[in-house]
Full PDB file with SEQRES, HELIX, SHEET, SSBOND, CRYST1, ORIGX, SCALE, CONECT and MASTER records, all heavy atoms in Angstrom:
SEQRES   1 A   35  LEU GLU GLN SER ASN GLY ASP ALA TYR ASP ARG THR GLY          
SEQRES   2 A   35  SER VAL PHE VAL ILE PRO THR ASP GLN LYS THR SER PHE          
SEQRES   3 A   35  LEU ASP GLY LEU LYS ASN GLY ALA LYS                          
HELIX    1 AA1 PHE A   26  ASN A   32  1                                   7    
CRYST1    1.000    1.000    1.000  90.00  90.00  90.00 P 1           1          
ORIGX1      1.000000  0.000000  0.000000        0.00000                         
ORIGX2      0.000000  1.000000  0.000000        0.00000                         
ORIGX3      0.000000  0.000000  1.000000        0.00000                         
SCALE1      1.000000  0.000000  0.000000        0.00000                         
SCALE2      0.000000  1.000000  0.000000        0.00000                         
SCALE3      0.000000  0.000000  1.000000        0.00000                         
ATOM      1  N   LEU A   1     232.360 225.555 128.318  1.00  0.00           N  
ATOM      2  CA  LEU A   1     233.559 226.346 128.399  1.00  0.00           C  
ATOM      3  C   LEU A   1     234.446 225.587 129.305  1.00  0.00           C  
ATOM      4  O   LEU A   1     234.065 225.495 130.521  1.00  0.00           O  
ATOM      5  CB  LEU A   1     233.480 227.839 128.588  1.00  0.00           C  
ATOM      6  CG  LEU A   1     234.570 228.794 128.267  1.00  0.00           C  
ATOM      7  CD1 LEU A   1     234.795 228.863 126.833  1.00  0.00           C  
ATOM      8  CD2 LEU A   1     234.319 230.077 129.000  1.00  0.00           C  
ATOM      9  N   GLU A   2     235.767 225.244 128.912  1.00  0.00           N  
ATOM     10  CA  GLU A   2     236.568 224.562 129.863  1.00  0.00           C  
ATOM     11  C   GLU A   2     238.032 225.259 129.954  1.00  0.00           C  
ATOM     12  O   GLU A   2     238.455 225.750 128.952  1.00  0.00           O  
ATOM     13  CB  GLU A   2     236.766 223.121 129.418  1.00  0.00           C  
ATOM     14  CG  GLU A   2     237.595 222.294 130.290  1.00  0.00           C  
ATOM     15  CD  GLU A   2     239.061 222.278 129.948  1.00  0.00           C  
ATOM     16  OE1 GLU A   2     239.453 222.647 128.787  1.00  0.00           O  
ATOM     17  OE2 GLU A   2     240.019 222.034 130.868  1.00  0.00           O  
ATOM     18  N   GLN A   3     238.550 225.247 131.300  1.00  0.00           N  
ATOM     19  CA  GLN A   3     239.937 225.720 131.465  1.00  0.00           C  
ATOM     20  C   GLN A   3     240.551 224.785 132.409  1.00  0.00           C  
ATOM     21  O   GLN A   3     239.862 224.241 133.282  1.00  0.00           O  
ATOM     22  CB  GLN A   3     239.903 227.137 132.059  1.00  0.00           C  
ATOM     23  CG  GLN A   3     239.358 228.148 131.071  1.00  0.00           C  
ATOM     24  CD  GLN A   3     239.237 229.589 131.781  1.00  0.00           C  
ATOM     25  OE1 GLN A   3     238.827 229.587 133.029  1.00  0.00           O  
ATOM     26  NE2 GLN A   3     239.584 230.539 131.170  1.00  0.00           N  
ATOM     27  N   SER A   4     241.797 224.594 132.251  1.00  0.00           N  
ATOM     28  CA  SER A   4     242.500 223.744 133.329  1.00  0.00           C  
ATOM     29  C   SER A   4     242.749 224.754 134.529  1.00  0.00           C  
ATOM     30  O   SER A   4     242.992 225.707 134.496  1.00  0.00           O  
ATOM     31  CB  SER A   4     243.957 223.363 132.765  1.00  0.00           C  
ATOM     32  OG  SER A   4     244.762 222.896 133.810  1.00  0.00           O  
ATOM     33  N   ASN A   5     242.537 223.947 135.641  1.00  0.00           N  
ATOM     34  CA  ASN A   5     242.685 224.509 136.911  1.00  0.00           C  
ATOM     35  C   ASN A   5     243.865 223.853 137.665  1.00  0.00           C  
ATOM     36  O   ASN A   5     244.084 224.028 138.868  1.00  0.00           O  
ATOM     37  CB  ASN A   5     241.491 224.456 137.791  1.00  0.00           C  
ATOM     38  CG  ASN A   5     241.566 225.460 139.134  1.00  0.00           C  
ATOM     39  OD1 ASN A   5     241.740 226.547 138.896  1.00  0.00           O  
ATOM     40  ND2 ASN A   5     241.414 224.757 140.207  1.00  0.00           N  
ATOM     41  N   GLY A   6     244.655 223.136 136.955  1.00  0.00           N  
ATOM     42  CA  GLY A   6     245.787 222.356 137.409  1.00  0.00           C  
ATOM     43  C   GLY A   6     246.172 221.120 136.675  1.00  0.00           C  
ATOM     44  O   GLY A   6     247.398 220.726 136.537  1.00  0.00           O  
ATOM     45  N   ASP A   7     245.125 220.432 135.996  1.00  0.00           N  
ATOM     46  CA  ASP A   7     245.414 219.235 135.334  1.00  0.00           C  
ATOM     47  C   ASP A   7     246.021 219.496 133.959  1.00  0.00           C  
ATOM     48  O   ASP A   7     245.566 220.378 133.291  1.00  0.00           O  
ATOM     49  CB  ASP A   7     244.066 218.464 135.052  1.00  0.00           C  
ATOM     50  CG  ASP A   7     244.406 217.098 134.518  1.00  0.00           C  
ATOM     51  OD1 ASP A   7     245.532 216.637 134.563  1.00  0.00           O  
ATOM     52  OD2 ASP A   7     243.376 216.388 134.060  1.00  0.00           O  
ATOM     53  N   ALA A   8     247.239 218.865 133.510  1.00  0.00           N  
ATOM     54  CA  ALA A   8     247.914 219.169 132.453  1.00  0.00           C  
ATOM     55  C   ALA A   8     247.421 218.291 131.135  1.00  0.00           C  
ATOM     56  O   ALA A   8     247.995 218.501 130.088  1.00  0.00           O  
ATOM     57  CB  ALA A   8     249.432 219.237 132.687  1.00  0.00           C  
ATOM     58  N   TYR A   9     246.754 217.315 131.498  1.00  0.00           N  
ATOM     59  CA  TYR A   9     246.501 216.277 130.514  1.00  0.00           C  
ATOM     60  C   TYR A   9     245.197 216.446 129.671  1.00  0.00           C  
ATOM     61  O   TYR A   9     244.158 216.963 130.134  1.00  0.00           O  
ATOM     62  CB  TYR A   9     246.516 214.914 131.026  1.00  0.00           C  
ATOM     63  CG  TYR A   9     248.020 214.493 131.368  1.00  0.00           C  
ATOM     64  CD1 TYR A   9     248.695 214.798 132.404  1.00  0.00           C  
ATOM     65  CD2 TYR A   9     248.756 213.871 130.175  1.00  0.00           C  
ATOM     66  CE1 TYR A   9     249.957 214.389 132.600  1.00  0.00           C  
ATOM     67  CE2 TYR A   9     250.130 213.588 130.436  1.00  0.00           C  
ATOM     68  CZ  TYR A   9     250.746 213.736 131.672  1.00  0.00           C  
ATOM     69  OH  TYR A   9     252.040 213.440 131.907  1.00  0.00           O  
ATOM     70  N   ASP A  10     245.162 215.707 128.561  1.00  0.00           N  
ATOM     71  CA  ASP A  10     243.864 215.584 127.691  1.00  0.00           C  
ATOM     72  C   ASP A  10     243.009 214.518 128.315  1.00  0.00           C  
ATOM     73  O   ASP A  10     243.513 213.332 128.512  1.00  0.00           O  
ATOM     74  CB  ASP A  10     244.291 215.203 126.338  1.00  0.00           C  
ATOM     75  CG  ASP A  10     245.126 214.041 126.127  1.00  0.00           C  
ATOM     76  OD1 ASP A  10     245.874 213.692 127.077  1.00  0.00           O  
ATOM     77  OD2 ASP A  10     245.110 213.348 125.107  1.00  0.00           O  
ATOM     78  N   ARG A  11     241.857 214.791 128.741  1.00  0.00           N  
ATOM     79  CA  ARG A  11     240.885 213.990 129.454  1.00  0.00           C  
ATOM     80  C   ARG A  11     239.656 213.723 128.677  1.00  0.00           C  
ATOM     81  O   ARG A  11     239.131 214.559 128.184  1.00  0.00           O  
ATOM     82  CB  ARG A  11     240.693 214.487 130.843  1.00  0.00           C  
ATOM     83  CG  ARG A  11     241.947 214.838 131.725  1.00  0.00           C  
ATOM     84  CD  ARG A  11     242.683 213.612 132.119  1.00  0.00           C  
ATOM     85  NE  ARG A  11     243.797 213.838 132.986  1.00  0.00           N  
ATOM     86  CZ  ARG A  11     244.603 213.081 133.526  1.00  0.00           C  
ATOM     87  NH1 ARG A  11     244.544 211.795 133.213  1.00  0.00           N  
ATOM     88  NH2 ARG A  11     245.575 213.368 134.507  1.00  0.00           N  
ATOM     89  N   THR A  12     239.005 212.547 128.963  1.00  0.00           N  
ATOM     90  CA  THR A  12     237.702 212.321 128.453  1.00  0.00           C  
ATOM     91  C   THR A  12     236.656 213.160 129.241  1.00  0.00           C  
ATOM     92  O   THR A  12     236.662 213.094 130.454  1.00  0.00           O  
ATOM     93  CB  THR A  12     237.346 210.773 128.581  1.00  0.00           C  
ATOM     94  OG1 THR A  12     238.355 210.018 127.871  1.00  0.00           O  
ATOM     95  CG2 THR A  12     235.952 210.582 127.967  1.00  0.00           C  
ATOM     96  N   GLY A  13     235.759 213.782 128.617  1.00  0.00           N  
ATOM     97  CA  GLY A  13     234.600 214.483 129.199  1.00  0.00           C  
ATOM     98  C   GLY A  13     233.238 214.061 128.540  1.00  0.00           C  
ATOM     99  O   GLY A  13     233.193 213.609 127.447  1.00  0.00           O  
ATOM    100  N   SER A  14     232.260 214.176 129.345  1.00  0.00           N  
ATOM    101  CA  SER A  14     230.889 213.909 128.920  1.00  0.00           C  
ATOM    102  C   SER A  14     229.901 214.710 129.540  1.00  0.00           C  
ATOM    103  O   SER A  14     229.912 214.941 130.672  1.00  0.00           O  
ATOM    104  CB  SER A  14     230.562 212.300 129.045  1.00  0.00           C  
ATOM    105  OG  SER A  14     229.331 212.060 128.626  1.00  0.00           O  
ATOM    106  N   VAL A  15     228.924 215.216 128.738  1.00  0.00           N  
ATOM    107  CA  VAL A  15     227.775 215.908 129.349  1.00  0.00           C  
ATOM    108  C   VAL A  15     226.636 214.944 129.127  1.00  0.00           C  
ATOM    109  O   VAL A  15     226.441 214.415 127.987  1.00  0.00           O  
ATOM    110  CB  VAL A  15     227.493 217.198 128.424  1.00  0.00           C  
ATOM    111  CG1 VAL A  15     226.195 217.941 129.056  1.00  0.00           C  
ATOM    112  CG2 VAL A  15     228.607 218.150 128.679  1.00  0.00           C  
ATOM    113  N   PHE A  16     225.707 214.710 130.096  1.00  0.00           N  
ATOM    114  CA  PHE A  16     224.875 213.581 130.122  1.00  0.00           C  
ATOM    115  C   PHE A  16     223.641 213.946 130.924  1.00  0.00           C  
ATOM    116  O   PHE A  16     223.620 214.818 131.721  1.00  0.00           O  
ATOM    117  CB  PHE A  16     225.486 212.319 130.596  1.00  0.00           C  
ATOM    118  CG  PHE A  16     225.899 212.383 131.978  1.00  0.00           C  
ATOM    119  CD1 PHE A  16     225.171 212.066 133.043  1.00  0.00           C  
ATOM    120  CD2 PHE A  16     227.342 212.554 132.182  1.00  0.00           C  
ATOM    121  CE1 PHE A  16     225.678 212.219 134.358  1.00  0.00           C  
ATOM    122  CE2 PHE A  16     227.795 212.683 133.461  1.00  0.00           C  
ATOM    123  CZ  PHE A  16     227.024 212.574 134.507  1.00  0.00           C  
ATOM    124  N   VAL A  17     222.613 213.181 130.573  1.00  0.00           N  
ATOM    125  CA  VAL A  17     221.258 213.213 131.402  1.00  0.00           C  
ATOM    126  C   VAL A  17     221.033 211.819 132.041  1.00  0.00           C  
ATOM    127  O   VAL A  17     221.369 210.811 131.313  1.00  0.00           O  
ATOM    128  CB  VAL A  17     220.090 213.578 130.444  1.00  0.00           C  
ATOM    129  CG1 VAL A  17     218.725 213.248 131.104  1.00  0.00           C  
ATOM    130  CG2 VAL A  17     220.204 215.046 130.062  1.00  0.00           C  
ATOM    131  N   ILE A  18     220.594 211.808 133.234  1.00  0.00           N  
ATOM    132  CA  ILE A  18     220.247 210.579 133.893  1.00  0.00           C  
ATOM    133  C   ILE A  18     218.787 210.233 133.709  1.00  0.00           C  
ATOM    134  O   ILE A  18     218.004 210.901 134.412  1.00  0.00           O  
ATOM    135  CB  ILE A  18     220.618 210.519 135.373  1.00  0.00           C  
ATOM    136  CG1 ILE A  18     222.173 210.839 135.583  1.00  0.00           C  
ATOM    137  CG2 ILE A  18     220.288 209.322 136.069  1.00  0.00           C  
ATOM    138  CD1 ILE A  18     222.566 210.929 136.922  1.00  0.00           C  
ATOM    139  N   PRO A  19     218.513 209.256 132.834  1.00  0.00           N  
ATOM    140  CA  PRO A  19     217.026 208.893 132.703  1.00  0.00           C  
ATOM    141  C   PRO A  19     216.540 208.326 134.083  1.00  0.00           C  
ATOM    142  O   PRO A  19     217.276 207.461 134.745  1.00  0.00           O  
ATOM    143  CB  PRO A  19     217.045 207.841 131.634  1.00  0.00           C  
ATOM    144  CG  PRO A  19     218.239 208.082 130.931  1.00  0.00           C  
ATOM    145  CD  PRO A  19     219.303 208.438 131.831  1.00  0.00           C  
ATOM    146  N   THR A  20     215.359 208.630 134.547  1.00  0.00           N  
ATOM    147  CA  THR A  20     214.891 208.168 135.824  1.00  0.00           C  
ATOM    148  C   THR A  20     213.469 207.542 135.598  1.00  0.00           C  
ATOM    149  O   THR A  20     212.692 207.430 136.545  1.00  0.00           O  
ATOM    150  CB  THR A  20     214.826 209.211 136.878  1.00  0.00           C  
ATOM    151  OG1 THR A  20     213.983 210.323 136.298  1.00  0.00           O  
ATOM    152  CG2 THR A  20     216.146 209.729 137.235  1.00  0.00           C  
ATOM    153  N   ASP A  21     213.186 207.017 134.380  1.00  0.00           N  
ATOM    154  CA  ASP A  21     211.892 206.429 133.990  1.00  0.00           C  
ATOM    155  C   ASP A  21     211.800 204.993 134.412  1.00  0.00           C  
ATOM    156  O   ASP A  21     210.714 204.318 134.059  1.00  0.00           O  
ATOM    157  CB  ASP A  21     211.608 206.803 132.633  1.00  0.00           C  
ATOM    158  CG  ASP A  21     212.482 206.200 131.633  1.00  0.00           C  
ATOM    159  OD1 ASP A  21     213.720 206.015 132.036  1.00  0.00           O  
ATOM    160  OD2 ASP A  21     212.128 205.955 130.433  1.00  0.00           O  
ATOM    161  N   GLN A  22     212.950 204.445 134.801  1.00  0.00           N  
ATOM    162  CA  GLN A  22     212.815 202.969 135.117  1.00  0.00           C  
ATOM    163  C   GLN A  22     213.081 202.763 136.619  1.00  0.00           C  
ATOM    164  O   GLN A  22     213.424 203.650 137.450  1.00  0.00           O  
ATOM    165  CB  GLN A  22     214.096 202.291 134.330  1.00  0.00           C  
ATOM    166  CG  GLN A  22     213.984 202.507 132.764  1.00  0.00           C  
ATOM    167  CD  GLN A  22     212.709 201.782 132.204  1.00  0.00           C  
ATOM    168  OE1 GLN A  22     212.246 200.639 132.562  1.00  0.00           O  
ATOM    169  NE2 GLN A  22     212.091 202.523 131.322  1.00  0.00           N  
ATOM    170  N   LYS A  23     212.928 201.476 137.054  1.00  0.00           N  
ATOM    171  CA  LYS A  23     212.974 201.081 138.429  1.00  0.00           C  
ATOM    172  C   LYS A  23     214.421 201.483 139.037  1.00  0.00           C  
ATOM    173  O   LYS A  23     214.529 202.056 140.120  1.00  0.00           O  
ATOM    174  CB  LYS A  23     212.816 199.744 138.644  1.00  0.00           C  
ATOM    175  CG  LYS A  23     212.865 199.267 140.057  1.00  0.00           C  
ATOM    176  CD  LYS A  23     212.589 197.764 140.181  1.00  0.00           C  
ATOM    177  CE  LYS A  23     212.697 197.199 141.621  1.00  0.00           C  
ATOM    178  NZ  LYS A  23     212.416 195.829 141.741  1.00  0.00           N  
ATOM    179  N   THR A  24     215.414 201.344 138.181  1.00  0.00           N  
ATOM    180  CA  THR A  24     216.945 201.601 138.619  1.00  0.00           C  
ATOM    181  C   THR A  24     217.328 202.672 137.699  1.00  0.00           C  
ATOM    182  O   THR A  24     217.177 202.633 136.485  1.00  0.00           O  
ATOM    183  CB  THR A  24     217.702 200.370 138.595  1.00  0.00           C  
ATOM    184  OG1 THR A  24     217.200 199.347 139.487  1.00  0.00           O  
ATOM    185  CG2 THR A  24     219.090 200.624 139.128  1.00  0.00           C  
ATOM    186  N   SER A  25     218.194 203.631 138.144  1.00  0.00           N  
ATOM    187  CA  SER A  25     218.819 204.613 137.350  1.00  0.00           C  
ATOM    188  C   SER A  25     220.305 204.685 137.774  1.00  0.00           C  
ATOM    189  O   SER A  25     220.730 204.173 138.831  1.00  0.00           O  
ATOM    190  CB  SER A  25     218.195 206.027 137.607  1.00  0.00           C  
ATOM    191  OG  SER A  25     218.587 206.599 138.695  1.00  0.00           O  
ATOM    192  N   PHE A  26     220.969 205.346 136.878  1.00  0.00           N  
ATOM    193  CA  PHE A  26     222.396 205.590 137.196  1.00  0.00           C  
ATOM    194  C   PHE A  26     222.658 206.378 138.442  1.00  0.00           C  
ATOM    195  O   PHE A  26     223.754 206.220 139.117  1.00  0.00           O  
ATOM    196  CB  PHE A  26     223.102 206.295 136.069  1.00  0.00           C  
ATOM    197  CG  PHE A  26     224.579 206.237 136.103  1.00  0.00           C  
ATOM    198  CD1 PHE A  26     225.339 205.093 135.450  1.00  0.00           C  
ATOM    199  CD2 PHE A  26     225.337 207.199 136.508  1.00  0.00           C  
ATOM    200  CE1 PHE A  26     226.716 205.057 135.414  1.00  0.00           C  
ATOM    201  CE2 PHE A  26     226.806 207.160 136.515  1.00  0.00           C  
ATOM    202  CZ  PHE A  26     227.331 206.035 136.044  1.00  0.00           C  
ATOM    203  N   LEU A  27     221.658 207.182 138.861  1.00  0.00           N  
ATOM    204  CA  LEU A  27     221.795 207.914 140.090  1.00  0.00           C  
ATOM    205  C   LEU A  27     221.782 206.941 141.302  1.00  0.00           C  
ATOM    206  O   LEU A  27     222.562 207.329 142.221  1.00  0.00           O  
ATOM    207  CB  LEU A  27     220.551 208.806 140.188  1.00  0.00           C  
ATOM    208  CG  LEU A  27     220.497 209.797 141.462  1.00  0.00           C  
ATOM    209  CD1 LEU A  27     221.662 210.884 141.233  1.00  0.00           C  
ATOM    210  CD2 LEU A  27     219.144 210.628 141.423  1.00  0.00           C  
ATOM    211  N   ASP A  28     221.132 205.792 141.270  1.00  0.00           N  
ATOM    212  CA  ASP A  28     221.414 204.898 142.225  1.00  0.00           C  
ATOM    213  C   ASP A  28     222.849 204.450 142.490  1.00  0.00           C  
ATOM    214  O   ASP A  28     223.269 204.229 143.570  1.00  0.00           O  
ATOM    215  CB  ASP A  28     220.410 203.596 142.024  1.00  0.00           C  
ATOM    216  CG  ASP A  28     219.003 203.951 141.979  1.00  0.00           C  
ATOM    217  OD1 ASP A  28     218.579 204.713 142.922  1.00  0.00           O  
ATOM    218  OD2 ASP A  28     218.307 203.542 141.165  1.00  0.00           O  
ATOM    219  N   GLY A  29     223.605 204.264 141.383  1.00  0.00           N  
ATOM    220  CA  GLY A  29     224.898 203.790 141.443  1.00  0.00           C  
ATOM    221  C   GLY A  29     225.780 205.014 141.971  1.00  0.00           C  
ATOM    222  O   GLY A  29     226.711 204.666 142.698  1.00  0.00           O  
ATOM    223  N   LEU A  30     225.367 206.138 141.513  1.00  0.00           N  
ATOM    224  CA  LEU A  30     226.213 207.263 142.124  1.00  0.00           C  
ATOM    225  C   LEU A  30     226.185 207.316 143.655  1.00  0.00           C  
ATOM    226  O   LEU A  30     227.085 207.684 144.414  1.00  0.00           O  
ATOM    227  CB  LEU A  30     225.766 208.669 141.450  1.00  0.00           C  
ATOM    228  CG  LEU A  30     226.116 208.799 139.964  1.00  0.00           C  
ATOM    229  CD1 LEU A  30     225.509 210.194 139.502  1.00  0.00           C  
ATOM    230  CD2 LEU A  30     227.625 208.842 139.809  1.00  0.00           C  
ATOM    231  N   LYS A  31     224.907 207.193 144.043  1.00  0.00           N  
ATOM    232  CA  LYS A  31     224.604 207.226 145.536  1.00  0.00           C  
ATOM    233  C   LYS A  31     225.115 205.987 146.299  1.00  0.00           C  
ATOM    234  O   LYS A  31     225.677 206.150 147.405  1.00  0.00           O  
ATOM    235  CB  LYS A  31     223.164 207.308 145.797  1.00  0.00           C  
ATOM    236  CG  LYS A  31     222.535 208.812 145.249  1.00  0.00           C  
ATOM    237  CD  LYS A  31     220.996 208.837 145.546  1.00  0.00           C  
ATOM    238  CE  LYS A  31     220.466 210.161 145.234  1.00  0.00           C  
ATOM    239  NZ  LYS A  31     219.082 210.197 145.352  1.00  0.00           N  
ATOM    240  N   ASN A  32     224.996 204.848 145.677  1.00  0.00           N  
ATOM    241  CA  ASN A  32     225.178 203.614 146.541  1.00  0.00           C  
ATOM    242  C   ASN A  32     226.422 202.782 145.956  1.00  0.00           C  
ATOM    243  O   ASN A  32     226.682 201.649 146.526  1.00  0.00           O  
ATOM    244  CB  ASN A  32     223.959 202.746 146.425  1.00  0.00           C  
ATOM    245  CG  ASN A  32     222.797 203.470 146.878  1.00  0.00           C  
ATOM    246  OD1 ASN A  32     222.765 204.138 147.901  1.00  0.00           O  
ATOM    247  ND2 ASN A  32     221.674 203.292 146.221  1.00  0.00           N  
ATOM    248  N   GLY A  33     227.087 203.365 144.973  1.00  0.00           N  
ATOM    249  CA  GLY A  33     228.311 202.530 144.536  1.00  0.00           C  
ATOM    250  C   GLY A  33     227.989 201.940 143.128  1.00  0.00           C  
ATOM    251  O   GLY A  33     226.976 201.437 142.786  1.00  0.00           O  
ATOM    252  N   ALA A  34     229.001 201.819 142.222  1.00  0.00           N  
ATOM    253  CA  ALA A  34     228.893 201.272 140.958  1.00  0.00           C  
ATOM    254  C   ALA A  34     228.486 199.797 140.917  1.00  0.00           C  
ATOM    255  O   ALA A  34     227.775 199.352 140.100  1.00  0.00           O  
ATOM    256  CB  ALA A  34     230.322 201.391 140.140  1.00  0.00           C  
ATOM    257  N   LYS A  35     228.796 199.124 142.041  1.00  0.00           N  
ATOM    258  CA  LYS A  35     228.480 197.577 142.069  1.00  0.00           C  
ATOM    259  C   LYS A  35     226.967 197.498 142.113  1.00  0.00           C  
ATOM    260  O   LYS A  35     226.456 196.288 142.034  1.00  0.00           O  
ATOM    261  CB  LYS A  35     229.225 196.913 143.235  1.00  0.00           C  
ATOM    262  CG  LYS A  35     230.719 196.967 143.083  1.00  0.00           C  
ATOM    263  CD  LYS A  35     231.347 196.307 144.107  1.00  0.00           C  
ATOM    264  CE  LYS A  35     232.876 196.170 143.952  1.00  0.00           C  
ATOM    265  NZ  LYS A  35     233.650 195.636 145.107  1.00  0.00           N  
TER     266      LYS A  35                                                      
MASTER        0    0    0    1    0    0    0    6  265    1    0    3          
END                                                                             
């Protein structure tokens, strides 16, 4: 369920799961930077 709290525009949204079964995960990028 979504409501605007200030933003007036149409925005891309995604609900996702972070797989952690490999040596590196997307969580590493969140913590340490996309690079």
